[in-house]
Amino acid sequence: RTSNAAVKQSYAAFLPTMSVSAGRQSQQGDRFDTQGNLVPFTGNPTNYSTGFSSSLQLFDGGRRFFDVKRSKADVDAAEAGETASLFNVALQVKQQYYNILAARESQSAAQAQIDQAQQQLRASSIRLREGAAIVSDSLRSVVQLGNARLAMLSAQNNLQLANATLTRLVASPKPVTATASDTLDQKVVIPSITELEPLVDKAPAIQQADAQLSSAHASLRSAKTAFLPTVNMNFNRSGSGIDPEFGIGDKRYAYNQNLSFGLSFPLFNGLNREVTVARAIVAEDVAEAELRDAKFLAHQTLVQSLGQMTTAQEQVSIQLITVAAATEDVRVQQRRYELGATTLLDLLTSQTALDAARTALIRARFDYRVAKA
């Protein structure tokens, strides 16, 4: 909105400035005459005046035209920045949405961990009563169950915080959360870099940098107009008298007007023009460098996002197999421990590996969703 207002202001510079004035002046008291005698004031005690003035710059070296181009380029940059902001907000909302899904998956993993710990505690207690295990096994099972419950509390707190954060991001008066069915894996066909490369030049960051370069170029040309002369026209019309209706009535009122043209050309102004042009040249060079870097960055981001998405998709597939294998390993170790064919340490090692595999799967799913977003 402010950039659009600046465009209107640039166009308004082609119009003349106008102002009107009106005044009332009262005088009374004494004065000295030419002989030094004190005499009373004999003139009209009240005087009224009106005025109208206007000025227009006829020639400024083209500065106003360049200012219009610069303002329009600033609007383009602002629109591209707005698009980038919208995309960024959308990405933040999606990331927070996926944080909720990850918290729910962590909650499910913690519940599975609690079930395993409870089963392990029952098995160690039975073996302890039968004399096939030591007290340490039962105590370790209690510790394992406590850790599982702490993991559940942490997952619940993370879920509540993620819900509150998403509610703030979407500015909802009521709490919002993610749809539970979205935790299911939904694979998509990942496009190639060649297919997406044409979109790079349409990236908001590149469009914004390109518009900023156009603005800097127009600013440089506008700065150079300071080396050209300027031509101005001024018009003034004023009136004064004793008419309290400011000339509309029938009392005396006198008018005078003046029309003038002027040309000015500063020969030397302390190198202000030269410094302004030098700064404008540097700003244009910076804008060119930023545009070039924005194009490289867009390509880099594309390669990075596609790589992350491909890697995360493969990680999800691998971790699903790992979790299935670790789950079967825990089942076997649990059964062997109940039969006395293995130690509690082997069972705890398998359970730790399963917990790590579940955590890695949750992280891989989150990375895949964010990369796709």
Protein backbone atom coordinates (compact mmCIF):
# COMPACT_ATOMS: atom_id res chain seq x y z
CA ARG A 1 0.00 0.00 0.00
CA THR A 2 2.81 2.42 0.81
CA SER A 3 4.51 1.62 -2.52
CA ASN A 4 1.28 2.35 -4.41
CA ALA A 5 0.99 5.63 -2.52
CA ALA A 6 4.54 6.48 -3.62
CA VAL A 7 3.54 5.95 -7.27
CA LYS A 8 0.67 8.42 -6.89
CA GLN A 9 3.05 10.86 -5.26
CA SER A 10 5.46 10.52 -8.21
CA TYR A 11 2.70 11.34 -10.67
CA ALA A 12 1.56 14.26 -8.50
CA ALA A 13 5.00 15.83 -8.95
CA PHE A 14 3.95 16.76 -12.50
CA LEU A 15 1.11 18.92 -11.16
CA PRO A 16 1.53 22.47 -9.89
CA THR A 17 1.51 23.16 -6.18
CA MET A 18 -1.22 25.52 -5.01
CA SER A 19 -1.99 27.28 -1.77
CA VAL A 20 -4.46 29.88 -0.57
CA SER A 21 -4.27 32.18 2.41
CA ALA A 22 -6.46 34.65 4.25
CA GLY A 23 -5.69 36.98 7.13
CA ARG A 24 -7.01 39.72 9.34
CA GLN A 25 -4.77 42.38 10.94
CA SER A 26 -5.77 44.93 13.57
CA GLN A 27 -3.70 48.02 14.49
CA GLN A 28 -4.16 50.67 17.17
CA GLY A 29 -2.09 52.95 19.42
CA ASP A 30 0.14 55.98 18.93
CA ARG A 31 3.13 56.78 16.73
CA PHE A 32 5.78 59.47 16.26
CA ASP A 33 5.66 61.77 13.26
CA THR A 34 8.69 63.05 11.35
CA GLN A 35 9.17 65.91 13.87
CA GLY A 36 9.17 63.48 16.79
CA ASN A 37 5.72 64.42 18.04
CA LEU A 38 3.46 61.69 19.45
CA VAL A 39 0.29 61.47 17.39
CA PRO A 40 -2.57 58.94 17.54
CA PHE A 41 -3.01 56.23 14.89
CA THR A 42 -5.47 57.57 12.29
CA GLY A 43 -5.54 54.76 9.71
CA ASN A 44 -8.06 51.97 9.36
CA PRO A 45 -7.59 49.79 12.44
CA THR A 46 -8.48 46.56 10.61
CA ASN A 47 -7.03 45.22 7.37
CA TYR A 48 -7.96 42.04 5.50
CA SER A 49 -5.85 40.09 3.02
CA THR A 50 -6.16 37.08 0.74
CA GLY A 51 -3.64 35.30 -1.39
CA PHE A 52 -3.21 32.54 -3.96
CA SER A 53 0.13 31.11 -5.05
CA SER A 54 1.11 28.34 -7.41
CA SER A 55 4.38 26.95 -8.70
CA LEU A 56 5.28 24.37 -11.34
CA GLN A 57 8.60 22.90 -12.32
CA LEU A 58 8.67 22.96 -16.11
CA PHE A 59 11.94 21.08 -16.61
CA ASP A 60 13.99 18.98 -14.22
CA GLY A 61 16.13 16.89 -16.56
CA GLY A 62 13.63 14.01 -16.55
CA ARG A 63 13.94 13.34 -12.83
CA ARG A 64 10.19 12.97 -12.31
CA PHE A 65 9.90 10.39 -15.10
CA PHE A 66 12.66 8.32 -13.52
CA ASP A 67 11.01 8.67 -10.11
CA VAL A 68 7.80 7.23 -11.56
CA LYS A 69 9.71 4.25 -12.97
CA ARG A 70 11.45 3.74 -9.65
CA SER A 71 8.16 3.86 -7.75
CA LYS A 72 6.55 1.34 -10.10
CA ALA A 73 9.54 -0.96 -9.70
CA ASP A 74 9.20 -0.64 -5.93
CA VAL A 75 5.57 -1.75 -6.26
CA ASP A 76 6.68 -4.82 -8.22
CA ALA A 77 9.25 -5.59 -5.56
CA ALA A 78 6.67 -5.17 -2.82
CA GLU A 79 4.22 -7.47 -4.60
CA ALA A 80 6.91 -10.14 -5.00
CA GLY A 81 7.82 -9.70 -1.34
CA GLU A 82 4.18 -10.12 -0.40
CA THR A 83 4.01 -13.36 -2.39
CA ALA A 84 7.18 -14.60 -0.70
CA SER A 85 5.69 -13.72 2.70
CA LEU A 86 2.50 -15.63 1.88
CA PHE A 87 4.54 -18.66 0.82
CA ASN A 88 6.62 -18.41 3.99
CA VAL A 89 3.54 -18.23 6.21
CA ALA A 90 2.03 -21.21 4.41
CA LEU A 91 5.23 -23.17 4.95
CA GLN A 92 5.29 -22.26 8.65
CA VAL A 93 1.70 -23.45 9.05
CA LYS A 94 2.48 -26.73 7.27
CA GLN A 95 5.60 -27.30 9.36
CA GLN A 96 3.63 -26.75 12.54
CA TYR A 97 0.89 -29.02 11.22
CA TYR A 98 3.52 -31.72 10.70
CA ASN A 99 4.89 -31.05 14.19
CA ILE A 100 1.47 -32.07 15.50
CA LEU A 101 1.56 -35.25 13.42
CA ALA A 102 5.06 -36.02 14.70
CA ALA A 103 3.92 -35.41 18.30
CA ARG A 104 1.01 -37.80 17.82
CA GLU A 105 3.30 -40.43 16.34
CA SER A 106 5.64 -39.94 19.29
CA GLN A 107 2.67 -40.40 21.59
CA SER A 108 1.79 -43.70 19.89
CA ALA A 109 5.43 -44.79 20.11
CA ALA A 110 5.50 -43.91 23.82
CA GLN A 111 2.32 -45.94 24.39
CA ALA A 112 3.92 -48.93 22.66
CA GLN A 113 6.98 -48.42 24.85
CA ILE A 114 4.78 -48.44 27.96
CA ASP A 115 3.08 -51.67 26.85
CA GLN A 116 6.45 -53.32 26.30
CA ALA A 117 7.75 -52.12 29.68
CA GLN A 118 4.63 -53.42 31.45
CA GLN A 119 4.95 -56.79 29.73
CA GLN A 120 8.61 -56.89 30.67
CA LEU A 121 7.80 -56.02 34.29
CA ARG A 122 5.24 -58.81 34.48
CA ALA A 123 7.71 -61.30 33.02
CA SER A 124 10.53 -60.29 35.37
CA SER A 125 8.20 -60.43 38.38
CA ILE A 126 7.04 -63.93 37.47
CA ARG A 127 10.61 -65.11 36.99
CA LEU A 128 11.62 -63.49 40.27
CA ARG A 129 8.88 -65.37 42.15
CA GLU A 130 9.99 -68.59 40.50
CA GLY A 131 13.59 -67.93 41.45
CA ALA A 132 14.72 -67.77 37.81
CA ALA A 133 15.67 -64.09 37.96
CA ILE A 134 17.31 -61.69 40.36
CA VAL A 135 15.84 -58.60 42.02
CA SER A 136 17.88 -56.39 39.70
CA ASP A 137 15.82 -57.56 36.71
CA SER A 138 12.61 -56.48 38.38
CA LEU A 139 14.10 -53.11 39.37
CA ARG A 140 15.35 -52.51 35.85
CA SER A 141 11.88 -53.25 34.54
CA VAL A 142 10.43 -50.64 36.93
CA VAL A 143 12.97 -48.09 35.67
CA GLN A 144 12.13 -48.98 32.08
CA LEU A 145 8.41 -48.46 32.75
CA GLY A 146 9.12 -45.09 34.39
CA ASN A 147 11.13 -43.95 31.39
CA ALA A 148 8.30 -45.01 29.08
CA ARG A 149 5.80 -42.97 31.10
CA LEU A 150 8.11 -39.95 30.98
CA ALA A 151 8.30 -40.33 27.21
CA MET A 152 4.50 -40.34 27.11
CA LEU A 153 4.32 -37.14 29.19
CA SER A 154 6.87 -35.46 26.93
CA ALA A 155 4.91 -36.46 23.82
CA GLN A 156 1.66 -35.16 25.33
CA ASN A 157 3.26 -31.82 26.22
CA ASN A 158 4.75 -31.52 22.73
CA LEU A 159 1.33 -32.21 21.23
CA GLN A 160 -0.36 -29.53 23.35
CA LEU A 161 2.35 -26.99 22.48
CA ALA A 162 2.14 -27.84 18.77
CA ASN A 163 -1.64 -27.40 18.84
CA ALA A 164 -1.32 -24.02 20.57
CA THR A 165 1.34 -22.87 18.10
CA LEU A 166 -0.77 -23.88 15.09
CA THR A 167 -3.77 -22.09 16.59
CA ARG A 168 -1.70 -18.90 16.86
CA LEU A 169 -0.33 -19.19 13.32
CA VAL A 170 -3.80 -19.49 11.77
CA ALA A 171 -5.21 -16.89 14.21
CA SER A 172 -8.13 -19.12 15.15
CA PRO A 173 -10.34 -18.14 18.11
CA LYS A 174 -10.77 -21.84 18.83
CA PRO A 175 -8.04 -24.48 19.27
CA VAL A 176 -7.15 -26.31 16.06
CA THR A 177 -5.19 -29.48 15.47
CA ALA A 178 -4.13 -31.78 12.65
CA THR A 179 -6.31 -34.44 11.11
CA ALA A 180 -5.40 -37.81 12.55
CA SER A 181 -5.64 -39.59 9.18
CA ASP A 182 -2.81 -37.40 7.81
CA THR A 183 -0.29 -39.51 9.74
CA LEU A 184 -0.58 -42.10 6.97
CA ASP A 185 2.26 -42.07 4.49
CA GLN A 186 1.26 -40.64 1.13
CA LYS A 187 4.02 -41.04 -1.39
CA VAL A 188 4.12 -38.81 -4.44
CA VAL A 189 6.09 -38.96 -7.64
CA ILE A 190 9.08 -36.68 -7.17
CA PRO A 191 9.67 -34.51 -10.26
CA SER A 192 13.13 -34.07 -11.72
CA ILE A 193 15.22 -30.92 -11.64
CA THR A 194 14.72 -30.52 -15.39
CA GLU A 195 10.96 -30.42 -14.94
CA LEU A 196 11.11 -27.79 -12.20
CA GLU A 197 13.97 -25.67 -13.58
CA PRO A 198 11.61 -23.35 -15.55
CA LEU A 199 9.98 -22.37 -12.25
CA VAL A 200 13.23 -20.94 -10.88
CA ASP A 201 12.94 -17.68 -12.82
CA LYS A 202 9.42 -17.25 -11.42
CA ALA A 203 10.55 -17.49 -7.83
CA PRO A 204 9.30 -14.52 -5.78
CA ALA A 205 12.81 -13.82 -4.48
CA ILE A 206 14.13 -13.48 -8.05
CA GLN A 207 11.20 -11.30 -9.11
CA GLN A 208 11.76 -9.10 -6.08
CA ALA A 209 15.50 -8.79 -6.76
CA ASP A 210 14.83 -8.00 -10.43
CA ALA A 211 12.37 -5.26 -9.49
CA GLN A 212 14.85 -3.84 -6.97
CA LEU A 213 17.48 -3.71 -9.73
CA SER A 214 15.05 -1.77 -11.97
CA SER A 215 14.40 0.60 -9.07
CA ALA A 216 18.12 1.10 -8.50
CA HIS A 217 18.67 1.78 -12.21
CA ALA A 218 15.92 4.40 -12.21
CA SER A 219 17.34 5.96 -9.05
CA LEU A 220 20.74 6.29 -10.73
CA ARG A 221 19.28 8.06 -13.75
CA SER A 222 17.26 10.30 -11.44
CA ALA A 223 20.43 11.21 -9.52
CA LYS A 224 22.22 12.19 -12.72
CA THR A 225 19.54 14.77 -13.55
CA ALA A 226 21.00 16.97 -10.81
CA PHE A 227 23.69 17.96 -13.34
CA LEU A 228 21.04 19.56 -15.61
CA PRO A 229 19.38 22.96 -15.10
CA THR A 230 15.84 23.32 -13.78
CA VAL A 231 13.14 25.68 -15.01
CA ASN A 232 10.38 26.82 -12.66
CA MET A 233 7.24 28.92 -13.05
CA ASN A 234 5.64 30.79 -10.16
CA PHE A 235 2.34 32.65 -9.99
CA ASN A 236 1.04 34.75 -7.12
CA ARG A 237 -2.13 36.77 -6.74
CA SER A 238 -2.94 38.61 -3.53
CA GLY A 239 -5.43 41.15 -2.33
CA SER A 240 -5.76 43.43 0.70
CA GLY A 241 -8.12 46.09 1.96
CA ILE A 242 -10.69 46.96 4.55
CA ASP A 243 -13.45 44.69 3.29
CA PRO A 244 -14.29 42.18 6.06
CA GLU A 245 -15.74 39.92 3.35
CA PHE A 246 -12.26 39.59 1.76
CA GLY A 247 -13.13 41.42 -1.44
CA ILE A 248 -16.58 40.01 -1.96
CA GLY A 249 -18.29 43.02 -0.39
CA ASP A 250 -18.46 46.61 -1.58
CA LYS A 251 -15.58 48.06 0.43
CA ARG A 252 -12.15 48.87 -0.88
CA TYR A 253 -9.95 45.92 -1.83
CA ALA A 254 -6.80 46.01 -3.96
CA TYR A 255 -5.35 43.12 -5.97
CA ASN A 256 -1.96 42.47 -7.47
CA GLN A 257 -0.49 39.44 -9.24
CA ASN A 258 2.90 38.25 -10.36
CA LEU A 259 4.01 35.63 -12.90
CA SER A 260 7.69 34.67 -13.00
CA PHE A 261 9.94 32.14 -14.69
CA GLY A 262 13.29 31.10 -13.36
CA LEU A 263 16.20 28.93 -14.44
CA SER A 264 18.73 27.59 -12.00
CA PHE A 265 21.87 25.58 -12.50
CA PRO A 266 24.16 24.93 -9.54
CA LEU A 267 27.76 25.06 -10.71
CA PHE A 268 29.16 23.60 -7.50
CA ASN A 269 27.35 22.37 -4.39
CA GLY A 270 30.08 20.76 -2.33
CA LEU A 271 30.15 17.54 -4.42
CA ASN A 272 26.70 16.59 -3.19
CA ARG A 273 25.60 15.60 -6.68
CA GLU A 274 28.72 13.54 -7.26
CA VAL A 275 28.33 11.70 -3.96
CA THR A 276 24.64 11.02 -4.67
CA VAL A 277 25.48 9.56 -8.09
CA ALA A 278 28.30 7.47 -6.62
CA ARG A 279 25.95 6.01 -4.02
CA ALA A 280 23.35 5.29 -6.70
CA ILE A 281 25.98 3.46 -8.79
CA VAL A 282 26.97 1.35 -5.80
CA ALA A 283 23.31 0.60 -5.06
CA GLU A 284 22.83 -0.55 -8.66
CA ASP A 285 25.92 -2.78 -8.43
CA VAL A 286 24.63 -4.29 -5.19
CA ALA A 287 21.21 -4.89 -6.75
CA GLU A 288 22.83 -6.68 -9.70
CA ALA A 289 24.84 -8.88 -7.34
CA GLU A 290 21.75 -9.65 -5.27
CA LEU A 291 19.76 -10.62 -8.38
CA ARG A 292 22.56 -12.89 -9.55
CA ASP A 293 22.81 -14.48 -6.10
CA ALA A 294 19.02 -14.87 -5.88
CA LYS A 295 19.05 -16.93 -9.07
CA PHE A 296 21.84 -19.16 -7.76
CA LEU A 297 20.08 -19.47 -4.41
CA ALA A 298 16.79 -20.45 -6.05
CA HIS A 299 18.55 -23.18 -8.01
CA GLN A 300 20.41 -24.31 -4.89
CA THR A 301 17.16 -24.44 -2.90
CA LEU A 302 15.51 -26.48 -5.64
CA VAL A 303 18.34 -29.02 -5.69
CA GLN A 304 18.44 -29.13 -1.90
CA SER A 305 14.68 -29.60 -1.49
CA LEU A 306 14.49 -32.33 -4.12
CA GLY A 307 17.45 -34.09 -2.55
CA GLN A 308 15.95 -33.87 0.91
CA MET A 309 12.60 -35.13 -0.33
CA THR A 310 14.15 -38.08 -2.19
CA THR A 311 16.37 -38.97 0.76
CA ALA A 312 13.56 -38.63 3.28
CA GLN A 313 11.24 -40.77 1.17
CA GLU A 314 13.85 -43.53 1.05
CA GLN A 315 14.53 -43.10 4.77
CA VAL A 316 10.84 -43.64 5.52
CA SER A 317 10.86 -46.88 3.53
CA ILE A 318 14.05 -48.06 5.20
CA GLN A 319 12.89 -47.12 8.69
CA LEU A 320 9.59 -48.94 8.21
CA ILE A 321 11.56 -52.12 7.53
CA THR A 322 13.87 -51.36 10.46
CA VAL A 323 10.95 -50.84 12.85
CA ALA A 324 9.31 -54.07 11.69
CA ALA A 325 12.58 -55.98 12.19
CA ALA A 326 13.22 -54.37 15.58
CA THR A 327 9.65 -55.16 16.70
CA GLU A 328 10.07 -58.81 15.78
CA ASP A 329 13.45 -58.89 17.51
CA VAL A 330 11.90 -57.52 20.73
CA ARG A 331 9.10 -60.09 20.51
CA VAL A 332 11.61 -62.91 20.16
CA GLN A 333 13.84 -61.59 22.94
CA GLN A 334 10.82 -61.12 25.21
CA ARG A 335 9.74 -64.69 24.63
CA ARG A 336 13.26 -66.01 25.19
CA TYR A 337 13.55 -64.01 28.40
CA GLU A 338 10.26 -65.45 29.66
CA LEU A 339 11.65 -68.93 28.94
CA GLY A 340 14.98 -68.11 30.58
CA ALA A 341 16.95 -68.48 27.34
CA THR A 342 18.41 -64.96 27.42
CA THR A 343 19.25 -62.18 29.85
CA LEU A 344 17.40 -58.98 30.60
CA LEU A 345 20.31 -57.02 29.17
CA ASP A 346 19.72 -58.55 25.73
CA LEU A 347 16.04 -57.69 25.96
CA LEU A 348 16.78 -54.09 26.99
CA THR A 349 19.23 -53.75 24.10
CA SER A 350 16.56 -54.87 21.63
CA GLN A 351 14.00 -52.51 23.14
CA THR A 352 16.45 -49.59 22.93
CA ALA A 353 17.06 -50.37 19.27
CA LEU A 354 13.29 -50.45 18.65
CA ASP A 355 12.79 -47.09 20.38
CA ALA A 356 15.59 -45.56 18.29
CA ALA A 357 14.08 -47.00 15.09
CA ARG A 358 10.66 -45.54 15.92
CA THR A 359 12.20 -42.13 16.63
CA ALA A 360 14.13 -42.24 13.35
CA LEU A 361 10.94 -43.16 11.47
CA ILE A 362 9.05 -40.22 12.99
CA ARG A 363 11.89 -37.87 12.06
CA ALA A 364 12.10 -39.24 8.52
CA ARG A 365 8.35 -38.75 8.03
CA PHE A 366 8.60 -35.17 9.30
CA ASP A 367 11.54 -34.40 7.00
CA TYR A 368 9.70 -35.89 4.02
CA ARG A 369 6.57 -33.84 4.67
CA VAL A 370 8.50 -30.59 5.15
CA ALA A 371 10.61 -31.20 2.04
CA LYS A 372 7.45 -31.81 0.02
CA ALA A 373 5.90 -28.58 1.41
